[in-house]
């Protein structure tokens, strides 16, 4: 299991947390996703043989948030 922290711009509330965690959790291979609103980040545990970082970034961006480098 791999772990990655993704920096996300635009998350401000519980709806944001729910949207991002839900989008990531819906991807096959993602074991868990935990948003930290204060730090503007999401910690993801995932199986790198089943899901790519770009797929996770795209899932976040599809919810209307920006992934920062």
PDB file of N, CA and C in Angstrom:
ATOM      1  N   UNK A   1       0.858  -1.182   0.000  1.00  0.00           N
ATOM      2  CA  UNK A   1       0.000   0.000   0.000  1.00  0.00           C
ATOM      3  C   UNK A   1       0.900   1.241   0.000  1.00  0.00           C
ATOM      4  N   UNK A   2       0.634   2.145  -0.910  1.00  0.00           N
ATOM      5  CA  UNK A   2       1.377   3.402  -0.992  1.00  0.00           C
ATOM      6  C   UNK A   2       0.594   4.502  -0.284  1.00  0.00           C
ATOM      7  N   UNK A   3       1.300   5.559   0.086  1.00  0.00           N
ATOM      8  CA  UNK A   3       0.652   6.702   0.719  1.00  0.00           C
ATOM      9  C   UNK A   3       1.131   7.965   0.037  1.00  0.00           C
ATOM     10  N   UNK A   4       0.214   8.898  -0.185  1.00  0.00           N
ATOM     11  CA  UNK A   4       0.555  10.168  -0.830  1.00  0.00           C
ATOM     12  C   UNK A   4      -0.252  11.280  -0.196  1.00  0.00           C
ATOM     13  N   UNK A   5       0.384  12.430  -0.059  1.00  0.00           N
ATOM     14  CA  UNK A   5      -0.305  13.639   0.366  1.00  0.00           C
ATOM     15  C   UNK A   5      -0.483  14.519  -0.862  1.00  0.00           C
ATOM     16  N   UNK A   6      -1.721  14.896  -1.124  1.00  0.00           N
ATOM     17  CA  UNK A   6      -2.039  15.742  -2.270  1.00  0.00           C
ATOM     18  C   UNK A   6      -2.492  17.091  -1.743  1.00  0.00           C
ATOM     19  N   UNK A   7      -1.846  18.150  -2.214  1.00  0.00           N
ATOM     20  CA  UNK A   7      -2.229  19.507  -1.824  1.00  0.00           C
ATOM     21  C   UNK A   7      -3.383  19.951  -2.722  1.00  0.00           C
ATOM     22  N   UNK A   8      -4.461  20.443  -2.095  1.00  0.00           N
ATOM     23  CA  UNK A   8      -5.671  20.793  -2.835  1.00  0.00           C
ATOM     24  C   UNK A   8      -6.102  22.209  -2.458  1.00  0.00           C
ATOM     25  N   UNK A   9      -6.309  23.050  -3.469  1.00  0.00           N
ATOM     26  CA  UNK A   9      -6.768  24.419  -3.242  1.00  0.00           C
ATOM     27  C   UNK A   9      -8.280  24.494  -3.376  1.00  0.00           C
ATOM     28  N   UNK A  10      -8.907  25.287  -2.508  1.00  0.00           N
ATOM     29  CA  UNK A  10     -10.330  25.561  -2.641  1.00  0.00           C
ATOM     30  C   UNK A  10     -11.229  24.822  -1.666  1.00  0.00           C
ATOM     31  N   UNK A  11     -10.669  23.951  -0.834  1.00  0.00           N
ATOM     32  CA  UNK A  11     -11.504  23.236   0.144  1.00  0.00           C
ATOM     33  C   UNK A  11     -11.679  24.118   1.374  1.00  0.00           C
ATOM     34  N   UNK A  12     -12.944  24.364   1.752  1.00  0.00           N
ATOM     35  CA  UNK A  12     -13.181  25.269   2.882  1.00  0.00           C
ATOM     36  C   UNK A  12     -14.156  24.727   3.925  1.00  0.00           C
ATOM     37  N   UNK A  13     -14.905  23.662   3.602  1.00  0.00           N
ATOM     38  CA  UNK A  13     -15.982  23.256   4.513  1.00  0.00           C
ATOM     39  C   UNK A  13     -16.180  21.732   4.498  1.00  0.00           C
ATOM     40  N   UNK A  14     -17.150  21.295   5.280  1.00  0.00           N
ATOM     41  CA  UNK A  14     -17.425  19.858   5.359  1.00  0.00           C
ATOM     42  C   UNK A  14     -17.919  19.290   4.030  1.00  0.00           C
ATOM     43  N   UNK A  15     -18.643  20.088   3.262  1.00  0.00           N
ATOM     44  CA  UNK A  15     -19.066  19.628   1.936  1.00  0.00           C
ATOM     45  C   UNK A  15     -17.846  19.358   1.063  1.00  0.00           C
ATOM     46  N   UNK A  16     -16.854  20.244   1.141  1.00  0.00           N
ATOM     47  CA  UNK A  16     -15.612  20.058   0.379  1.00  0.00           C
ATOM     48  C   UNK A  16     -14.933  18.758   0.803  1.00  0.00           C
ATOM     49  N   UNK A  17     -14.841  18.543   2.107  1.00  0.00           N
ATOM     50  CA  UNK A  17     -14.223  17.329   2.625  1.00  0.00           C
ATOM     51  C   UNK A  17     -14.953  16.100   2.079  1.00  0.00           C
ATOM     52  N   UNK A  18     -16.256  16.114   2.162  1.00  0.00           N
ATOM     53  CA  UNK A  18     -17.058  14.987   1.721  1.00  0.00           C
ATOM     54  C   UNK A  18     -16.892  14.733   0.222  1.00  0.00           C
ATOM     55  N   UNK A  19     -16.877  15.798  -0.568  1.00  0.00           N
ATOM     56  CA  UNK A  19     -16.759  15.671  -2.019  1.00  0.00           C
ATOM     57  C   UNK A  19     -15.423  15.052  -2.414  1.00  0.00           C
ATOM     58  N   UNK A  20     -14.349  15.539  -1.822  1.00  0.00           N
ATOM     59  CA  UNK A  20     -13.013  15.050  -2.177  1.00  0.00           C
ATOM     60  C   UNK A  20     -12.798  13.630  -1.663  1.00  0.00           C
ATOM     61  N   UNK A  21     -13.156  13.389  -0.403  1.00  0.00           N
ATOM     62  CA  UNK A  21     -12.986  12.028   0.139  1.00  0.00           C
ATOM     63  C   UNK A  21     -13.843  11.028  -0.636  1.00  0.00           C
ATOM     64  N   UNK A  22     -15.067  11.424  -0.987  1.00  0.00           N
ATOM     65  CA  UNK A  22     -15.963  10.538  -1.729  1.00  0.00           C
ATOM     66  C   UNK A  22     -15.439  10.238  -3.122  1.00  0.00           C
ATOM     67  N   UNK A  23     -14.930  11.263  -3.790  1.00  0.00           N
ATOM     68  CA  UNK A  23     -14.400  11.075  -5.145  1.00  0.00           C
ATOM     69  C   UNK A  23     -13.214  10.119  -5.130  1.00  0.00           C
ATOM     70  N   UNK A  24     -12.333  10.290  -4.160  1.00  0.00           N
ATOM     71  CA  UNK A  24     -11.155   9.420  -4.092  1.00  0.00           C
ATOM     72  C   UNK A  24     -11.528   8.010  -3.653  1.00  0.00           C
ATOM     73  N   UNK A  25     -12.394   7.906  -2.672  1.00  0.00           N
ATOM     74  CA  UNK A  25     -12.790   6.589  -2.170  1.00  0.00           C
ATOM     75  C   UNK A  25     -13.521   5.780  -3.236  1.00  0.00           C
ATOM     76  N   UNK A  26     -14.119   6.464  -4.199  1.00  0.00           N
ATOM     77  CA  UNK A  26     -14.830   5.785  -5.268  1.00  0.00           C
ATOM     78  C   UNK A  26     -13.921   5.177  -6.323  1.00  0.00           C
ATOM     79  N   UNK A  27     -12.639   5.510  -6.266  1.00  0.00           N
ATOM     80  CA  UNK A  27     -11.696   4.961  -7.233  1.00  0.00           C
ATOM     81  C   UNK A  27     -11.238   3.573  -6.797  1.00  0.00           C
ATOM     82  N   UNK A  28     -11.224   2.652  -7.741  1.00  0.00           N
ATOM     83  CA  UNK A  28     -10.734   1.310  -7.425  1.00  0.00           C
ATOM     84  C   UNK A  28      -9.248   1.405  -7.095  1.00  0.00           C
ATOM     85  N   UNK A  29      -8.875   0.824  -5.975  1.00  0.00           N
ATOM     86  CA  UNK A  29      -7.486   0.841  -5.542  1.00  0.00           C
ATOM     87  C   UNK A  29      -7.208   1.812  -4.411  1.00  0.00           C
ATOM     88  N   UNK A  30      -8.136   2.759  -4.164  1.00  0.00           N
ATOM     89  CA  UNK A  30      -7.956   3.698  -3.052  1.00  0.00           C
ATOM     90  C   UNK A  30      -8.509   3.057  -1.792  1.00  0.00           C
ATOM     91  N   UNK A  31      -7.639   2.901  -0.793  1.00  0.00           N
ATOM     92  CA  UNK A  31      -8.035   2.279   0.469  1.00  0.00           C
ATOM     93  C   UNK A  31      -8.668   3.294   1.402  1.00  0.00           C
ATOM     94  N   UNK A  32      -8.063   4.496   1.475  1.00  0.00           N
ATOM     95  CA  UNK A  32      -8.625   5.537   2.335  1.00  0.00           C
ATOM     96  C   UNK A  32      -8.168   6.906   1.858  1.00  0.00           C
ATOM     97  N   UNK A  33      -8.989   7.909   2.174  1.00  0.00           N
ATOM     98  CA  UNK A  33      -8.677   9.306   1.854  1.00  0.00           C
ATOM     99  C   UNK A  33      -9.125  10.148   3.038  1.00  0.00           C
ATOM    100  N   UNK A  34      -8.223  10.990   3.529  1.00  0.00           N
ATOM    101  CA  UNK A  34      -8.531  11.807   4.702  1.00  0.00           C
ATOM    102  C   UNK A  34      -8.131  13.257   4.431  1.00  0.00           C
ATOM    103  N   UNK A  35      -9.131  14.144   4.394  1.00  0.00           N
ATOM    104  CA  UNK A  35      -8.914  15.564   4.111  1.00  0.00           C
ATOM    105  C   UNK A  35      -8.586  16.303   5.404  1.00  0.00           C
ATOM    106  N   UNK A  36      -7.590  17.191   5.324  1.00  0.00           N
ATOM    107  CA  UNK A  36      -7.267  18.134   6.397  1.00  0.00           C
ATOM    108  C   UNK A  36      -7.553  19.530   5.833  1.00  0.00           C
ATOM    109  N   UNK A  37      -8.714  20.088   6.198  1.00  0.00           N
ATOM    110  CA  UNK A  37      -9.123  21.388   5.653  1.00  0.00           C
ATOM    111  C   UNK A  37      -8.160  22.504   6.023  1.00  0.00           C
ATOM    112  N   UNK A  38      -7.638  22.495   7.255  1.00  0.00           N
ATOM    113  CA  UNK A  38      -6.746  23.562   7.696  1.00  0.00           C
ATOM    114  C   UNK A  38      -5.441  23.576   6.909  1.00  0.00           C
ATOM    115  N   UNK A  39      -4.967  22.401   6.517  1.00  0.00           N
ATOM    116  CA  UNK A  39      -3.694  22.296   5.797  1.00  0.00           C
ATOM    117  C   UNK A  39      -3.884  22.233   4.279  1.00  0.00           C
ATOM    118  N   UNK A  40      -5.135  22.246   3.826  1.00  0.00           N
ATOM    119  CA  UNK A  40      -5.434  22.160   2.385  1.00  0.00           C
ATOM    120  C   UNK A  40      -4.791  20.941   1.738  1.00  0.00           C
ATOM    121  N   UNK A  41      -4.975  19.792   2.368  1.00  0.00           N
ATOM    122  CA  UNK A  41      -4.368  18.576   1.834  1.00  0.00           C
ATOM    123  C   UNK A  41      -5.275  17.382   2.056  1.00  0.00           C
ATOM    124  N   UNK A  42      -4.976  16.325   1.323  1.00  0.00           N
ATOM    125  CA  UNK A  42      -5.657  15.050   1.515  1.00  0.00           C
ATOM    126  C   UNK A  42      -4.593  13.960   1.528  1.00  0.00           C
ATOM    127  N   UNK A  43      -4.647  13.114   2.545  1.00  0.00           N
ATOM    128  CA  UNK A  43      -3.747  11.971   2.645  1.00  0.00           C
ATOM    129  C   UNK A  43      -4.471  10.760   2.102  1.00  0.00           C
ATOM    130  N   UNK A  44      -3.833  10.083   1.149  1.00  0.00           N
ATOM    131  CA  UNK A  44      -4.460   8.956   0.472  1.00  0.00           C
ATOM    132  C   UNK A  44      -3.593   7.712   0.634  1.00  0.00           C
ATOM    133  N   UNK A  45      -4.232   6.603   1.008  1.00  0.00           N
ATOM    134  CA  UNK A  45      -3.575   5.300   0.987  1.00  0.00           C
ATOM    135  C   UNK A  45      -4.176   4.538  -0.176  1.00  0.00           C
ATOM    136  N   UNK A  46      -3.305   3.983  -1.034  1.00  0.00           N
ATOM    137  CA  UNK A  46      -3.804   3.371  -2.250  1.00  0.00           C
ATOM    138  C   UNK A  46      -2.874   2.264  -2.740  1.00  0.00           C
ATOM    139  N   UNK A  47      -3.408   1.439  -3.612  1.00  0.00           N
ATOM    140  CA  UNK A  47      -2.653   0.372  -4.258  1.00  0.00           C
ATOM    141  C   UNK A  47      -2.184   0.911  -5.596  1.00  0.00           C
ATOM    142  N   UNK A  48      -0.884   1.172  -5.715  1.00  0.00           N
ATOM    143  CA  UNK A  48      -0.375   1.812  -6.921  1.00  0.00           C
ATOM    144  C   UNK A  48      -0.447   0.916  -8.158  1.00  0.00           C
ATOM    145  N   UNK A  49      -0.783  -0.359  -7.975  1.00  0.00           N
ATOM    146  CA  UNK A  49      -0.969  -1.232  -9.134  1.00  0.00           C
ATOM    147  C   UNK A  49      -2.390  -1.114  -9.688  1.00  0.00           C
ATOM    148  N   UNK A  50      -3.281  -0.417  -8.947  1.00  0.00           N
ATOM    149  CA  UNK A  50      -4.679  -0.290  -9.370  1.00  0.00           C
ATOM    150  C   UNK A  50      -5.102   1.131  -9.726  1.00  0.00           C
ATOM    151  N   UNK A  51      -4.410   2.122  -9.197  1.00  0.00           N
ATOM    152  CA  UNK A  51      -4.808   3.514  -9.448  1.00  0.00           C
ATOM    153  C   UNK A  51      -3.555   4.388  -9.562  1.00  0.00           C
ATOM    154  N   UNK A  52      -3.614   5.363 -10.474  1.00  0.00           N
ATOM    155  CA  UNK A  52      -2.473   6.252 -10.672  1.00  0.00           C
ATOM    156  C   UNK A  52      -2.684   7.578  -9.953  1.00  0.00           C
ATOM    157  N   UNK A  53      -1.588   8.278  -9.730  1.00  0.00           N
ATOM    158  CA  UNK A  53      -1.683   9.601  -9.113  1.00  0.00           C
ATOM    159  C   UNK A  53      -2.477  10.546 -10.000  1.00  0.00           C
ATOM    160  N   UNK A  54      -2.308  10.434 -11.308  1.00  0.00           N
ATOM    161  CA  UNK A  54      -3.043  11.323 -12.210  1.00  0.00           C
ATOM    162  C   UNK A  54      -4.544  11.056 -12.141  1.00  0.00           C
ATOM    163  N   UNK A  55      -4.946   9.796 -11.963  1.00  0.00           N
ATOM    164  CA  UNK A  55      -6.376   9.478 -11.826  1.00  0.00           C
ATOM    165  C   UNK A  55      -6.931  10.086 -10.538  1.00  0.00           C
ATOM    166  N   UNK A  56      -6.143  10.063  -9.466  1.00  0.00           N
ATOM    167  CA  UNK A  56      -6.591  10.668  -8.207  1.00  0.00           C
ATOM    168  C   UNK A  56      -6.707  12.185  -8.359  1.00  0.00           C
ATOM    169  N   UNK A  57      -5.705  12.807  -9.002  1.00  0.00           N
ATOM    170  CA  UNK A  57      -5.754  14.252  -9.224  1.00  0.00           C
ATOM    171  C   UNK A  57      -6.970  14.624 -10.069  1.00  0.00           C
ATOM    172  N   UNK A  58      -7.247  13.842 -11.095  1.00  0.00           N
ATOM    173  CA  UNK A  58      -8.390  14.110 -11.964  1.00  0.00           C
ATOM    174  C   UNK A  58      -9.704  13.996 -11.203  1.00  0.00           C
ATOM    175  N   UNK A  59      -9.813  13.001 -10.314  1.00  0.00           N
ATOM    176  CA  UNK A  59     -11.031  12.834  -9.515  1.00  0.00           C
ATOM    177  C   UNK A  59     -11.269  14.057  -8.629  1.00  0.00           C
ATOM    178  N   UNK A  60     -10.195  14.607  -8.072  1.00  0.00           N
ATOM    179  CA  UNK A  60     -10.304  15.814  -7.239  1.00  0.00           C
ATOM    180  C   UNK A  60     -10.714  17.010  -8.096  1.00  0.00           C
ATOM    181  N   UNK A  61     -10.059  17.166  -9.243  1.00  0.00           N
ATOM    182  CA  UNK A  61     -10.355  18.303 -10.113  1.00  0.00           C
ATOM    183  C   UNK A  61     -11.762  18.221 -10.680  1.00  0.00           C
ATOM    184  N   UNK A  62     -12.273  17.004 -10.891  1.00  0.00           N
ATOM    185  CA  UNK A  62     -13.645  16.836 -11.367  1.00  0.00           C
ATOM    186  C   UNK A  62     -14.669  17.339 -10.353  1.00  0.00           C
ATOM    187  N   UNK A  63     -14.260  17.439  -9.090  1.00  0.00           N
ATOM    188  CA  UNK A  63     -15.155  17.970  -8.051  1.00  0.00           C
ATOM    189  C   UNK A  63     -15.071  19.486  -7.958  1.00  0.00           C
ATOM    190  N   UNK A  64     -14.203  20.106  -8.758  1.00  0.00           N
ATOM    191  CA  UNK A  64     -14.105  21.569  -8.788  1.00  0.00           C
ATOM    192  C   UNK A  64     -12.967  22.146  -7.975  1.00  0.00           C
ATOM    193  N   UNK A  65     -12.032  21.330  -7.563  1.00  0.00           N
ATOM    194  CA  UNK A  65     -10.897  21.800  -6.752  1.00  0.00           C
ATOM    195  C   UNK A  65      -9.621  21.713  -7.566  1.00  0.00           C
ATOM    196  N   UNK A  66      -8.626  22.494  -7.188  1.00  0.00           N
ATOM    197  CA  UNK A  66      -7.349  22.527  -7.899  1.00  0.00           C
ATOM    198  C   UNK A  66      -6.294  21.772  -7.105  1.00  0.00           C
ATOM    199  N   UNK A  67      -5.618  20.864  -7.789  1.00  0.00           N
ATOM    200  CA  UNK A  67      -4.490  20.163  -7.191  1.00  0.00           C
ATOM    201  C   UNK A  67      -3.261  21.034  -7.423  1.00  0.00           C
ATOM    202  N   UNK A  68      -2.546  21.365  -6.350  1.00  0.00           N
ATOM    203  CA  UNK A  68      -1.337  22.188  -6.500  1.00  0.00           C
ATOM    204  C   UNK A  68      -0.103  21.296  -6.443  1.00  0.00           C
ATOM    205  N   UNK A  69       0.961  21.777  -7.062  1.00  0.00           N
ATOM    206  CA  UNK A  69       2.200  20.999  -7.163  1.00  0.00           C
ATOM    207  C   UNK A  69       2.904  20.894  -5.828  1.00  0.00           C
TER     208      UNK A  69
END
